Structures are given as C-alpha cells and as structure tokens.
Amino acid sequence: MTQNDSSAAPTDSGLAGDLALALRLADAADAVSRSRFRATDLHVDTKPDRTPVTDADRATEQAIRAGIEAERPGDSVFGEEFGTAGEGSRQWIIDPIDGTANYLRGVPVWATLIALAIDGVPVLGVVSAPALGRRWWGATGLGAYTTDVLDGGTGAPRALRASGISALSDASLSYNSFKGWDEEGRLEQLTALARAVWRTRAYGEMWSYMMVAEGQLEIAAEFDLQPYDMAALAPIVQEAGGRFTSADGADGPWGGSALATNGLVHEAVLELIRARG
C-alpha cells in the first residue's frame, strides 16, 4: 500500500478530490518534517507568544502551501507560521507541526494537521504523525480512517469508530495539560470530571483526539488553542461517530478550547466543565 492509497475508501462526494489532495500534501509534509526530526542542526526560535518554532515548522508549512497553490490556486490558506493568504469560502487550515515542543526534544508525539473548511465549517482533516508511523483522516460523509504503517508498508486502512460507552463512570479521559486547566481557572471542574470518570491520563497533542476517534478514549479536552490546532481533528472525530465542541459547547474549532468525546458522554462532560458564573 502506498500512502496515497489511504484515500481509497468508498466515496461519492466532491470532497473526495480534496481529500486525495490533502493526503498528498501530508506526504510532502512528512518528507520535510522527518528529514529534520532529531537533526543536530535544528534551528529553534521563540515567537512573540513565547512558543517555540523550528526551521522544520516553517519549511513544512511552505511545502503544504506550495501544493495548495499549485492545485487549488483559488482557495485561501490559514497557517500557524505564515498567517492567512487569499479570500473565499474555501480555506485550508494548517498546523505544520502540532507538538513543536515534543519535536525539538526528540519526542515522537507530533503531527502535521491539514484541514479544509468551507464557509467556516471544517469538512475534512488529515493528521499525519510520521515519527509514530500513523496517519488519520476523515471527511464529511466519507467516514474516518487510519493506517498504522506509512511508506508502502502493510498497514491497510481501517475505519474509525468511537466507543459505545455511555456511563461517565466507565469513561477514560485525557485532559492534556494540568497547567492549561489551572490557567483557565477550571481546576475545580477538572477535579470534578476526574472524580466522575474511570481513568485519567494526559496523552497530549493531537493523539488524545485520535484516540477518541479510535474508541480508545471517551473524552479529550484542553484550553488555550488556536483554530489550526483543532480544525483537522473535528471532522475525524465526528466521522468516527464522536462529537467535537469547545469546552463550553460551541461547535467547531473557533472557541479557543476543545472537547472531543464519543458523543454519548458529551453533555455529561459539558455539565461538569462549563465555565461557572
């Protein structure tokens, strides 16, 4: 199987071509990001918001933008490193390396996130984690899939399905960052949620949300996020049968926070973590 064969899921939608393009863009991104992972000459800067950025972040986003310009020149692009270019109802949203802090420390939990939003609604997403040998993708009406092996390996695509657990007391939670909940002033809510569920962990980055889509977790939630952190995640979770909102229940990736669940426990989680007062 080649990586681009991962778009071979049955489709009858015009999004099929966009999804195939997104997978090709992920191939190009992986080639750049892997070549710089654990490089001894990796260059790291600090952005005005005090977050790190590497030469690999910038080069990966440039590779994706070049592919979009070549194949969808009329679409706009919103990326973490180079901002917004173009106008129109179709917008590609890019996080070239989600998990830059992991990347620069040699931790393999990082990924390229590529989404397409139409009229502000994310309709497809690709999450490619080459250091883990994993890729996940989904598009509205086309389902959600993953593959365990890239680069011509034997990992055939398999469909994603969120878990069927409906009792919060049986659910598993990834809260991602204790500090993030603290800075948001919601430690009380996190404590209440942790007491209500079966198991808590902080897997972090995009992985928590993909584990919800795979049915390995029921809940993933965090704060202090940008749209490019979330846009690719939402269609995958939703096409797997889950639900994706902000921590206060707003649909989409625009609320500055994320709550992804299997759908069955979503309202119960919202009841516990919504802002009070």
Protein backbone atom coordinates (compact mmCIF):
# COMPACT_ATOMS: atom_id res chain seq x y z
CA MET A 1 0.00 0.00 0.00
CA THR A 2 1.24 3.48 -0.79
CA GLN A 3 0.30 6.43 1.41
CA ASN A 4 -1.98 7.85 -1.25
CA ASP A 5 -3.91 4.57 -1.33
CA SER A 6 -5.31 5.70 2.03
CA SER A 7 -7.82 7.76 0.05
CA ALA A 8 -9.26 4.55 -1.40
CA ALA A 9 -12.25 4.45 0.98
CA PRO A 10 -15.56 4.41 -0.98
CA THR A 11 -16.65 7.95 -1.85
CA ASP A 12 -19.38 9.61 -3.86
CA SER A 13 -18.71 13.20 -2.83
CA GLY A 14 -16.89 16.11 -4.41
CA LEU A 15 -14.77 16.16 -1.27
CA ALA A 16 -13.02 13.01 -2.46
CA GLY A 17 -10.66 15.01 -4.66
CA ASP A 18 -9.93 17.46 -1.86
CA LEU A 19 -9.20 14.57 0.50
CA ALA A 20 -6.87 12.96 -2.03
CA LEU A 21 -5.05 16.30 -2.31
CA ALA A 22 -4.81 16.63 1.47
CA LEU A 23 -3.22 13.19 1.66
CA ARG A 24 -0.69 14.15 -0.99
CA LEU A 25 0.06 17.34 0.93
CA ALA A 26 0.63 15.21 4.04
CA ASP A 27 3.09 13.06 2.07
CA ALA A 28 5.04 16.19 1.11
CA ALA A 29 4.90 17.50 4.67
CA ASP A 30 6.14 14.21 6.12
CA ALA A 31 9.14 14.21 3.80
CA VAL A 32 10.20 17.60 5.16
CA SER A 33 9.42 17.09 8.85
CA ARG A 34 11.01 13.66 9.10
CA SER A 35 14.21 14.86 7.48
CA ARG A 36 14.69 17.42 10.26
CA PHE A 37 13.44 15.36 13.22
CA ARG A 38 16.26 14.89 15.74
CA ALA A 39 18.61 16.83 13.45
CA THR A 40 21.62 18.12 15.34
CA ASP A 41 21.47 21.44 13.48
CA LEU A 42 17.75 22.09 14.05
CA HIS A 43 17.25 25.84 14.40
CA VAL A 44 14.81 26.96 17.12
CA ASP A 45 13.38 30.46 17.63
CA THR A 46 10.90 31.84 20.16
CA LYS A 47 7.79 33.53 18.77
CA PRO A 48 6.20 36.63 20.36
CA ASP A 49 3.74 34.39 22.24
CA ARG A 50 6.77 32.62 23.79
CA THR A 51 6.11 29.35 21.96
CA PRO A 52 8.96 27.68 20.06
CA VAL A 53 9.21 27.44 16.29
CA THR A 54 11.78 25.49 14.29
CA ASP A 55 13.06 25.70 10.74
CA ALA A 56 11.15 22.46 10.20
CA ASP A 57 7.82 24.13 11.13
CA ARG A 58 8.36 26.82 8.53
CA ALA A 59 9.65 24.50 5.79
CA THR A 60 6.80 22.05 6.33
CA GLU A 61 4.16 24.75 6.04
CA GLN A 62 5.84 26.15 2.93
CA ALA A 63 5.70 22.70 1.31
CA ILE A 64 1.97 22.43 2.02
CA ARG A 65 1.25 25.94 0.78
CA ALA A 66 3.13 25.23 -2.43
CA GLY A 67 0.96 22.19 -3.07
CA ILE A 68 -2.26 24.11 -2.44
CA GLU A 69 -1.18 26.97 -4.69
CA ALA A 70 -0.40 24.51 -7.47
CA GLU A 71 -3.64 22.51 -7.25
CA ARG A 72 -6.19 24.87 -5.62
CA PRO A 73 -4.96 28.39 -6.50
CA GLY A 74 -8.36 29.95 -5.78
CA ASP A 75 -8.52 28.70 -2.19
CA SER A 76 -7.36 30.66 0.82
CA VAL A 77 -4.84 29.36 3.35
CA PHE A 78 -4.55 29.94 7.09
CA GLY A 79 -1.37 28.54 8.63
CA GLU A 80 0.26 28.83 12.02
CA GLU A 81 3.57 30.14 10.75
CA PHE A 82 2.65 32.35 7.79
CA GLY A 83 -0.88 33.54 8.56
CA THR A 84 -3.69 34.00 6.05
CA ALA A 85 -3.40 34.31 2.29
CA GLY A 86 -6.28 34.70 -0.15
CA GLU A 87 -10.01 35.00 0.33
CA GLY A 88 -13.08 32.93 -0.33
CA SER A 89 -15.38 30.35 1.20
CA ARG A 90 -12.82 27.55 0.93
CA GLN A 91 -9.94 27.78 3.38
CA TRP A 92 -7.14 25.31 4.08
CA ILE A 93 -6.07 25.43 7.73
CA ILE A 94 -2.58 24.18 8.56
CA ASP A 95 -0.57 23.36 11.64
CA PRO A 96 2.72 22.21 10.12
CA ILE A 97 3.98 20.57 13.31
CA ASP A 98 1.47 20.17 16.12
CA GLY A 99 3.66 19.41 19.11
CA THR A 100 6.71 21.51 18.30
CA ALA A 101 7.95 21.24 21.90
CA ASN A 102 7.96 17.45 21.52
CA TYR A 103 9.57 17.69 18.09
CA LEU A 104 12.52 19.78 19.24
CA ARG A 105 13.08 17.47 22.23
CA GLY A 106 13.07 14.34 20.07
CA VAL A 107 9.74 13.06 21.41
CA PRO A 108 7.84 11.32 18.55
CA VAL A 109 4.35 12.57 19.50
CA TRP A 110 3.83 15.31 16.90
CA ALA A 111 1.94 15.59 13.65
CA THR A 112 1.08 17.72 10.67
CA LEU A 113 -2.56 18.86 10.71
CA ILE A 114 -4.28 19.75 7.43
CA ALA A 115 -7.93 20.78 7.23
CA LEU A 116 -10.30 22.24 4.67
CA ALA A 117 -13.07 24.49 5.95
CA ILE A 118 -15.95 25.61 3.73
CA ASP A 119 -17.86 28.64 4.97
CA GLY A 120 -16.07 28.27 8.28
CA VAL A 121 -17.00 24.61 8.82
CA PRO A 122 -14.16 22.06 8.73
CA VAL A 123 -15.20 19.34 6.25
CA LEU A 124 -12.03 17.28 6.06
CA GLY A 125 -8.97 16.67 8.15
CA VAL A 126 -5.70 14.79 7.89
CA VAL A 127 -3.44 14.13 10.88
CA SER A 128 -0.09 12.66 9.88
CA ALA A 129 2.37 11.53 12.56
CA PRO A 130 5.34 10.07 10.69
CA ALA A 131 7.53 9.53 13.75
CA LEU A 132 4.77 7.28 15.11
CA GLY A 133 4.14 5.66 11.72
CA ARG A 134 0.50 6.74 11.96
CA ARG A 135 -1.97 8.71 9.89
CA TRP A 136 -5.66 9.51 10.44
CA TRP A 137 -8.07 11.19 8.04
CA GLY A 138 -11.76 11.90 7.57
CA ALA A 139 -14.18 13.98 5.54
CA THR A 140 -17.85 14.80 5.89
CA GLY A 141 -19.91 11.92 4.52
CA LEU A 142 -16.83 9.89 3.64
CA GLY A 143 -16.04 8.32 7.00
CA ALA A 144 -12.85 8.35 9.05
CA TYR A 145 -9.87 6.04 8.67
CA THR A 146 -6.38 5.34 9.93
CA THR A 147 -3.33 3.45 8.83
CA ASP A 148 -0.62 2.09 11.10
CA VAL A 149 2.20 1.93 8.56
CA LEU A 150 3.31 4.55 6.07
CA ASP A 151 5.72 4.42 3.14
CA GLY A 152 4.46 1.36 1.33
CA GLY A 153 4.04 -0.80 4.41
CA THR A 154 1.38 -3.42 5.00
CA GLY A 155 -0.94 -1.46 7.28
CA ALA A 156 -4.24 -1.42 5.38
CA PRO A 157 -6.60 1.49 6.14
CA ARG A 158 -9.22 0.69 8.74
CA ALA A 159 -12.36 2.55 9.65
CA LEU A 160 -12.51 4.53 12.89
CA ARG A 161 -15.35 4.20 15.34
CA ALA A 162 -15.78 6.00 18.65
CA SER A 163 -16.55 3.85 21.67
CA GLY A 164 -20.04 2.85 22.77
CA ILE A 165 -19.50 3.65 26.45
CA SER A 166 -22.36 5.75 27.76
CA ALA A 167 -21.68 5.92 31.50
CA LEU A 168 -19.27 8.60 32.64
CA SER A 169 -18.10 6.27 35.40
CA ASP A 170 -16.79 3.88 32.73
CA ALA A 171 -15.14 6.57 30.60
CA SER A 172 -11.46 7.32 30.09
CA LEU A 173 -10.27 10.96 29.95
CA SER A 174 -7.19 12.67 28.57
CA TYR A 175 -7.03 16.19 29.98
CA ASN A 176 -3.78 17.00 28.12
CA SER A 177 -2.37 19.69 30.44
CA PHE A 178 -2.97 20.24 34.16
CA LYS A 179 -1.36 23.68 33.80
CA GLY A 180 -3.75 24.60 30.99
CA TRP A 181 -6.80 23.88 33.14
CA ASP A 182 -5.21 25.80 36.01
CA GLU A 183 -4.53 28.88 33.85
CA GLU A 184 -8.11 28.74 32.60
CA GLY A 185 -9.36 28.76 36.20
CA ARG A 186 -11.03 25.37 35.83
CA LEU A 187 -9.11 23.10 38.18
CA GLU A 188 -12.30 22.65 40.19
CA GLN A 189 -14.07 21.44 37.05
CA LEU A 190 -11.19 19.13 36.10
CA THR A 191 -11.21 17.65 39.59
CA ALA A 192 -14.95 17.02 39.39
CA LEU A 193 -14.56 15.38 35.99
CA ALA A 194 -11.61 13.27 37.14
CA ARG A 195 -13.67 12.03 40.07
CA ALA A 196 -16.57 11.16 37.78
CA VAL A 197 -14.67 9.07 35.22
CA TRP A 198 -12.98 5.70 35.43
CA ARG A 199 -9.48 6.68 34.33
CA THR A 200 -7.45 9.84 33.66
CA ARG A 201 -4.27 10.39 31.68
CA ALA A 202 -2.61 13.28 29.83
CA TYR A 203 -1.56 11.81 26.48
CA GLY A 204 -1.26 15.22 24.87
CA GLU A 205 -1.25 16.90 21.48
CA MET A 206 -3.36 15.52 18.63
CA TRP A 207 -3.01 11.95 19.90
CA SER A 208 -5.69 12.31 22.58
CA TYR A 209 -8.29 13.26 19.96
CA MET A 210 -7.32 10.48 17.59
CA MET A 211 -7.65 8.03 20.48
CA VAL A 212 -11.22 9.26 20.95
CA ALA A 213 -11.86 8.62 17.24
CA GLU A 214 -10.35 5.13 17.56
CA GLY A 215 -12.52 4.27 20.57
CA GLN A 216 -9.59 4.04 22.99
CA LEU A 217 -10.71 7.08 25.00
CA GLU A 218 -14.12 8.63 25.56
CA ILE A 219 -13.00 12.20 26.38
CA ALA A 220 -10.22 14.59 25.37
CA ALA A 221 -10.26 18.23 26.41
CA GLU A 222 -7.92 21.21 26.69
CA PHE A 223 -7.67 25.01 26.59
CA ASP A 224 -5.61 27.81 25.00
CA LEU A 225 -5.96 26.51 21.45
CA GLN A 226 -5.99 28.13 18.02
CA PRO A 227 -8.18 27.06 15.07
CA TYR A 228 -5.22 25.40 13.37
CA ASP A 229 -4.79 23.20 16.47
CA MET A 230 -8.32 21.84 16.07
CA ALA A 231 -9.67 22.17 12.53
CA ALA A 232 -8.24 18.89 11.27
CA LEU A 233 -9.30 16.98 14.38
CA ALA A 234 -13.00 17.80 14.29
CA PRO A 235 -14.01 16.05 11.02
CA ILE A 236 -12.13 12.90 12.01
CA VAL A 237 -13.77 12.69 15.43
CA GLN A 238 -17.20 13.48 14.00
CA GLU A 239 -16.96 10.99 11.13
CA ALA A 240 -15.95 8.35 13.66
CA GLY A 241 -19.26 8.96 15.44
CA GLY A 242 -17.97 11.32 18.11
CA ARG A 243 -18.65 14.95 18.87
CA PHE A 244 -16.31 17.97 18.85
CA THR A 245 -17.08 21.32 20.50
CA SER A 246 -15.44 23.93 22.67
CA ALA A 247 -15.31 23.33 26.42
CA ASP A 248 -18.48 25.43 26.67
CA GLY A 249 -20.36 23.58 23.94
CA ALA A 250 -19.82 25.75 20.83
CA ASP A 251 -19.46 23.74 17.64
CA GLY A 252 -16.31 23.99 15.56
CA PRO A 253 -12.67 24.97 16.16
CA TRP A 254 -13.20 28.67 16.82
CA GLY A 255 -13.86 28.75 20.59
CA GLY A 256 -10.29 28.62 21.91
CA SER A 257 -10.75 25.26 23.59
CA ALA A 258 -11.64 21.70 22.63
CA LEU A 259 -13.84 18.93 23.95
CA ALA A 260 -13.96 15.74 21.93
CA THR A 261 -15.98 12.77 23.10
CA ASN A 262 -17.60 9.62 21.78
CA GLY A 263 -20.82 11.66 21.71
CA LEU A 264 -22.57 9.57 24.32
CA VAL A 265 -20.97 11.29 27.31
CA HIS A 266 -20.63 14.76 25.80
CA GLU A 267 -23.48 16.51 27.59
CA ALA A 268 -22.50 14.99 30.92
CA VAL A 269 -18.93 16.27 30.48
CA LEU A 270 -20.12 19.73 29.45
CA GLU A 271 -22.27 19.89 32.56
CA LEU A 272 -19.15 19.40 34.68
CA ILE A 273 -16.61 21.58 32.86
CA ARG A 274 -18.55 24.61 31.57
CA ALA A 275 -17.39 27.95 32.92
CA ARG A 276 -19.33 28.97 36.02
CA GLY A 277 -20.75 32.35 36.87
